[in-house]
Amino acid sequence: MNIILVRHAEVMINNPSVYAHEMKQWIERYDKCDIKEKIYKNELYNIILDKKNIFFISSLQRTHDTLCLYQTFSESDYTINKIFNEAELPYPKQSYILRLPAFFWRIILRLLWIFGYSKHSESFSDAKKRADIASKLLLESAKNNNSNVVLIGHGVINRLIYNRLKRKTRVVKKLSTQNLGYGILEVSK
């Protein structure tokens, strides 16, 4: 049995130049955007097509939309849990110094977050604790159900979960954090 961590499909959002404090509104828009509908018929396609797998998604719409790209799923076919939501991005209350494309602010603010800046967001330490709980949930689900477990999640939180799981499993495919990228970890019985 395997645990498969998948990053959601690409989100359709523009990349305007903004001040750092305007990232709050940009993040809110990002969380509500539709995904680009693009399916690749590859190993991931076959994994998600298999309804015998146990599916987990975050509470953010883009993970649900990604799951439904592959086929119709009813609510009984998957579990939604906020523990799998993306690690929040910090942002300052105000900043009028520099306008940058939102993409660059995402990188800058994420790096600052790793080094301890967490204004208006959970801390890096708290996100790692949440990843510990999430990894245990996925591991227990795979073992208790003797089945493959698929998480459709997000780039940063998936990486944190993967780093915890790889200590307790065997890496079959290294995690890719690209959109629709995935990693596979084998759970021993």
Protein backbone atom coordinates (compact mmCIF):
# COMPACT_ATOMS: atom_id res chain seq x y z
CA MET A 1 0.00 0.00 0.00
CA ASN A 2 1.13 3.52 -0.83
CA ILE A 3 0.59 7.10 0.23
CA ILE A 4 0.45 9.40 -2.78
CA LEU A 5 0.85 13.14 -2.22
CA VAL A 6 -0.43 15.26 -5.13
CA ARG A 7 -0.28 19.01 -5.60
CA HIS A 8 -3.44 20.59 -7.00
CA ALA A 9 -3.79 21.68 -10.64
CA GLU A 10 -2.61 25.11 -11.72
CA VAL A 11 -4.78 28.04 -10.62
CA MET A 12 -6.01 30.63 -13.14
CA ILE A 13 -4.94 33.95 -11.62
CA ASN A 14 -3.11 36.97 -12.90
CA ASN A 15 0.16 38.19 -11.44
CA PRO A 16 -0.27 41.94 -10.84
CA SER A 17 2.34 44.15 -9.26
CA VAL A 18 1.32 44.81 -5.66
CA TYR A 19 2.68 46.09 -2.39
CA ALA A 20 3.40 43.41 0.20
CA HIS A 21 0.38 44.35 2.33
CA GLU A 22 -1.89 43.84 -0.72
CA MET A 23 -0.95 40.16 -0.74
CA LYS A 24 -3.81 39.50 1.70
CA GLN A 25 -6.35 40.32 -1.00
CA TRP A 26 -4.35 38.48 -3.65
CA ILE A 27 -4.24 35.33 -1.49
CA GLU A 28 -8.00 35.56 -0.92
CA ARG A 29 -8.54 35.76 -4.69
CA TYR A 30 -6.11 32.87 -5.27
CA ASP A 31 -8.07 30.70 -2.83
CA LYS A 32 -11.28 31.30 -4.82
CA CYS A 33 -9.91 30.91 -8.35
CA ASP A 34 -10.73 28.14 -10.75
CA ILE A 35 -8.07 25.71 -11.88
CA LYS A 36 -6.78 25.22 -15.39
CA GLU A 37 -8.40 22.08 -16.67
CA LYS A 38 -5.58 19.99 -18.01
CA ILE A 39 -5.24 16.24 -17.54
CA TYR A 40 -2.22 14.17 -18.39
CA LYS A 41 -2.89 10.48 -18.91
CA ASN A 42 0.02 9.18 -16.89
CA GLU A 43 0.58 7.23 -13.70
CA LEU A 44 -1.22 9.91 -11.66
CA TYR A 45 -4.23 9.64 -13.97
CA ASN A 46 -4.46 5.90 -13.25
CA ILE A 47 -3.99 6.43 -9.50
CA ILE A 48 -6.80 8.97 -9.20
CA LEU A 49 -9.08 6.99 -11.50
CA ASP A 50 -8.97 4.08 -9.02
CA LYS A 51 -11.90 4.72 -6.65
CA LYS A 52 -10.65 1.95 -4.35
CA ASN A 53 -8.06 4.41 -3.10
CA ILE A 54 -8.84 6.48 -0.02
CA PHE A 55 -8.89 10.16 -0.97
CA PHE A 56 -8.17 13.17 1.23
CA ILE A 57 -8.36 16.79 0.13
CA SER A 58 -7.92 20.13 1.86
CA SER A 59 -10.86 22.45 2.43
CA LEU A 60 -9.63 24.77 -0.35
CA GLN A 61 -11.68 24.52 -3.55
CA ARG A 62 -8.73 23.90 -5.88
CA THR A 63 -8.07 20.47 -4.35
CA HIS A 64 -11.68 19.39 -4.86
CA ASP A 65 -11.64 20.72 -8.42
CA THR A 66 -8.41 18.82 -9.11
CA LEU A 67 -9.90 15.55 -7.86
CA CYS A 68 -12.98 16.09 -10.02
CA LEU A 69 -10.86 16.74 -13.12
CA TYR A 70 -10.36 13.02 -13.41
CA GLN A 71 -13.92 11.83 -12.91
CA THR A 72 -17.05 12.52 -10.92
CA PHE A 73 -16.65 11.91 -7.22
CA SER A 74 -19.45 12.01 -4.68
CA GLU A 75 -18.80 13.44 -1.22
CA SER A 76 -18.65 9.92 0.21
CA ASP A 77 -15.65 9.15 -2.03
CA TYR A 78 -13.26 11.53 -0.24
CA THR A 79 -12.57 13.22 3.07
CA ILE A 80 -12.12 16.98 3.42
CA ASN A 81 -9.84 18.09 6.24
CA LYS A 82 -8.45 21.58 6.98
CA ILE A 83 -5.31 19.96 8.37
CA PHE A 84 -4.23 19.56 4.72
CA ASN A 85 -4.75 23.26 3.85
CA GLU A 86 -1.74 25.11 2.50
CA ALA A 87 0.61 26.71 5.00
CA GLU A 88 -0.53 30.31 5.27
CA LEU A 89 1.53 33.11 3.79
CA PRO A 90 2.42 36.01 6.10
CA TYR A 91 2.01 39.61 5.03
CA PRO A 92 2.70 42.99 6.64
CA LYS A 93 -0.05 45.36 7.75
CA GLN A 94 1.24 48.02 5.39
CA SER A 95 4.14 48.61 3.04
CA TYR A 96 4.47 51.32 0.48
CA ILE A 97 8.11 50.88 -0.40
CA LEU A 98 8.12 48.45 -3.29
CA ARG A 99 5.61 47.06 -5.79
CA LEU A 100 6.50 43.63 -7.14
CA PRO A 101 4.59 40.98 -9.07
CA ALA A 102 2.57 38.86 -6.64
CA PHE A 103 4.62 35.80 -7.67
CA PHE A 104 7.79 37.42 -6.29
CA TRP A 105 6.06 38.46 -3.08
CA ARG A 106 4.99 34.82 -2.62
CA ILE A 107 8.62 33.73 -2.78
CA ILE A 108 9.93 36.54 -0.56
CA LEU A 109 7.20 36.14 2.07
CA ARG A 110 7.59 32.34 2.09
CA LEU A 111 11.34 32.66 2.69
CA LEU A 112 10.73 35.19 5.46
CA TRP A 113 8.15 32.79 6.93
CA ILE A 114 10.70 29.96 7.03
CA PHE A 115 13.03 32.27 8.96
CA GLY A 116 10.39 33.22 11.52
CA TYR A 117 8.24 36.01 10.07
CA SER A 118 4.60 35.00 10.54
CA LYS A 119 2.47 38.17 10.67
CA HIS A 120 -1.19 37.23 10.05
CA SER A 121 -0.38 33.53 9.54
CA GLU A 122 0.51 30.37 11.38
CA SER A 123 4.20 30.05 12.17
CA PHE A 124 6.55 27.68 10.40
CA SER A 125 6.78 25.74 13.67
CA ASP A 126 2.98 25.41 13.87
CA ALA A 127 2.80 24.31 10.23
CA LYS A 128 5.37 21.57 10.97
CA LYS A 129 3.26 20.41 13.95
CA ARG A 130 0.19 20.30 11.70
CA ALA A 131 2.20 18.29 9.15
CA ASP A 132 3.11 15.80 11.91
CA ILE A 133 -0.57 15.27 12.70
CA ALA A 134 -1.46 15.04 9.00
CA SER A 135 1.26 12.48 8.28
CA LYS A 136 0.05 10.30 11.16
CA LEU A 137 -3.50 10.50 9.85
CA LEU A 138 -2.44 9.39 6.36
CA LEU A 139 -0.23 6.62 7.70
CA GLU A 140 -2.93 5.27 10.02
CA SER A 141 -5.51 5.43 7.25
CA ALA A 142 -3.31 3.39 4.90
CA LYS A 143 -2.53 0.78 7.58
CA ASN A 144 -6.04 0.52 9.04
CA ASN A 145 -7.71 0.19 5.63
CA ASN A 146 -4.92 -1.79 3.95
CA SER A 147 -5.35 0.53 0.98
CA ASN A 148 -3.60 3.24 -0.99
CA VAL A 149 -4.16 6.76 0.34
CA VAL A 150 -4.16 9.78 -1.99
CA LEU A 151 -3.86 13.33 -0.66
CA ILE A 152 -4.57 16.14 -3.07
CA GLY A 153 -3.00 19.06 -1.29
CA HIS A 154 -0.63 21.97 -1.76
CA GLY A 155 3.06 22.61 -2.39
CA VAL A 156 4.41 23.63 1.00
CA ILE A 157 2.23 21.51 3.29
CA ASN A 158 2.73 18.46 1.06
CA ARG A 159 6.52 18.96 1.35
CA LEU A 160 6.28 19.16 5.15
CA ILE A 161 4.11 16.02 5.27
CA TYR A 162 6.42 14.20 2.85
CA ASN A 163 9.48 15.01 5.00
CA ARG A 164 7.78 13.35 7.98
CA LEU A 165 6.45 10.35 6.08
CA LYS A 166 9.70 9.47 4.37
CA ARG A 167 11.17 8.59 7.79
CA LYS A 168 8.48 5.93 8.29
CA THR A 169 8.01 4.69 4.72
CA ARG A 170 10.01 3.84 1.62
CA VAL A 171 10.18 6.48 -1.10
CA VAL A 172 9.00 5.03 -4.41
CA LYS A 173 8.82 8.35 -6.28
CA LYS A 174 10.29 11.59 -4.94
CA LEU A 175 7.78 14.37 -4.35
CA SER A 176 7.38 16.96 -7.08
CA THR A 177 5.85 20.25 -5.99
CA GLN A 178 4.87 21.31 -9.52
CA ASN A 179 1.16 21.60 -10.20
CA LEU A 180 -0.16 18.05 -10.57
CA GLY A 181 3.24 16.87 -9.37
CA TYR A 182 3.22 13.99 -6.91
CA GLY A 183 5.28 11.64 -4.78
CA ILE A 184 4.70 8.04 -3.76
CA LEU A 185 5.68 6.48 -0.43
CA GLU A 186 5.31 2.77 0.29
CA VAL A 187 3.90 1.82 3.67
CA SER A 188 5.11 -1.44 5.16
CA LYS A 189 2.52 -3.67 6.82
